Protein backbone atom coordinates (compact mmCIF):
# COMPACT_ATOMS: atom_id res chain seq x y z
CA UNK A 1 88.83 86.36 76.85
CA UNK A 2 85.34 85.83 75.49
CA UNK A 3 84.03 89.26 76.46
CA UNK A 4 83.26 91.93 73.89
CA UNK A 5 85.91 94.58 73.31
CA UNK A 6 86.11 96.99 76.23
CA UNK A 7 84.16 94.78 78.65
CA UNK A 8 85.77 92.59 81.27
CA UNK A 9 84.33 89.09 81.66
CA UNK A 10 82.09 88.61 84.68
CA UNK A 11 83.78 86.41 87.29
CA UNK A 12 82.15 84.28 89.92
CA UNK A 13 83.78 85.28 93.22
CA UNK A 14 82.60 82.14 95.01
CA UNK A 15 84.11 79.94 92.30
CA UNK A 16 87.40 81.84 92.48
CA UNK A 17 87.41 81.38 96.26
CA UNK A 18 86.84 77.61 95.98
CA UNK A 19 89.60 77.30 93.36
CA UNK A 20 91.96 79.26 95.62
CA UNK A 21 91.21 77.00 98.59
CA UNK A 22 91.78 73.93 96.40
CA UNK A 23 95.15 75.28 95.24
CA UNK A 24 96.20 75.96 98.83
CA UNK A 25 95.15 72.43 99.83
CA UNK A 26 97.20 70.92 97.00
CA UNK A 27 100.26 72.87 98.11
CA UNK A 28 99.67 71.87 101.74
CA UNK A 29 99.18 68.24 100.78
CA UNK A 30 102.43 68.21 98.83
CA UNK A 31 104.29 69.85 101.71
CA UNK A 32 102.95 67.21 104.12
CA UNK A 33 103.98 64.53 101.64
CA UNK A 34 107.51 65.87 101.21
CA UNK A 35 107.94 67.28 104.70
CA UNK A 36 111.27 67.95 106.31
CA UNK A 37 112.31 64.31 106.34
CA UNK A 38 112.35 63.99 110.13
CA UNK A 39 109.17 61.92 110.18
CA UNK A 40 110.64 59.45 107.70
CA UNK A 41 113.63 58.77 109.93
CA UNK A 42 111.26 57.85 112.74
CA UNK A 43 109.60 55.21 110.59
CA UNK A 44 106.40 57.22 110.00
CA UNK A 45 105.07 57.25 106.46
CA UNK A 46 103.47 60.35 104.95
CA UNK A 47 100.31 58.50 103.92
CA UNK A 48 99.64 57.64 107.56
CA UNK A 49 99.40 61.35 108.40
CA UNK A 50 95.77 62.31 109.12
CA UNK A 51 96.14 65.75 107.46
CA UNK A 52 97.49 64.11 104.30
CA UNK A 53 94.60 61.63 104.23
CA UNK A 54 92.04 64.38 104.83
CA UNK A 55 93.34 66.59 102.01
CA UNK A 56 93.78 63.76 99.51
CA UNK A 57 90.28 62.45 100.23
CA UNK A 58 88.62 65.35 98.41
CA UNK A 59 90.98 67.78 96.69
CA UNK A 60 90.93 66.07 93.27
CA UNK A 61 87.13 65.57 93.26
CA UNK A 62 86.86 69.27 94.18
CA UNK A 63 88.95 70.22 91.14
CA UNK A 64 86.83 67.96 88.90
CA UNK A 65 83.61 69.45 90.26
CA UNK A 66 84.78 73.04 89.73
CA UNK A 67 86.17 72.34 86.26
CA UNK A 68 83.00 70.48 85.25
CA UNK A 69 80.90 73.43 86.36
CA UNK A 70 83.04 75.89 84.42
CA UNK A 71 83.02 73.66 81.33
CA UNK A 72 79.24 73.22 81.49
CA UNK A 73 78.84 76.99 81.85
CA UNK A 74 81.10 77.60 78.84
CA UNK A 75 79.05 75.16 76.72
CA UNK A 76 76.00 77.28 77.49
CA UNK A 77 77.70 80.26 75.87
CA UNK A 78 79.35 78.49 72.92
CA UNK A 79 79.06 75.19 71.08
CA UNK A 80 81.28 72.24 72.00
CA UNK A 81 83.34 72.77 68.86
CA UNK A 82 83.94 76.46 69.62
CA UNK A 83 84.82 75.67 73.24
CA UNK A 84 87.25 72.90 72.24
CA UNK A 85 88.87 75.12 69.59
CA UNK A 86 89.30 77.93 72.14
CA UNK A 87 90.88 75.55 74.69
CA UNK A 88 93.38 74.03 72.27
């Protein structure tokens, strides 16, 4: 993307790992929320599930933290105007 011709951009493996975990948690949270429907017939609500509450307690702040870090890092390489123009 922003790398010179012929050079691949340097990726942060730890950051990629955290983003991957966050994506898996979102998918797991949605599957707990939707479920098979059997729990709903028993009168249990998805937001009473402890796994659902655990995942939803931090997965969005995790995304904001990671995206803020990446955005801050990109501002160090380019101006705000260049970064905004590249994103849109």
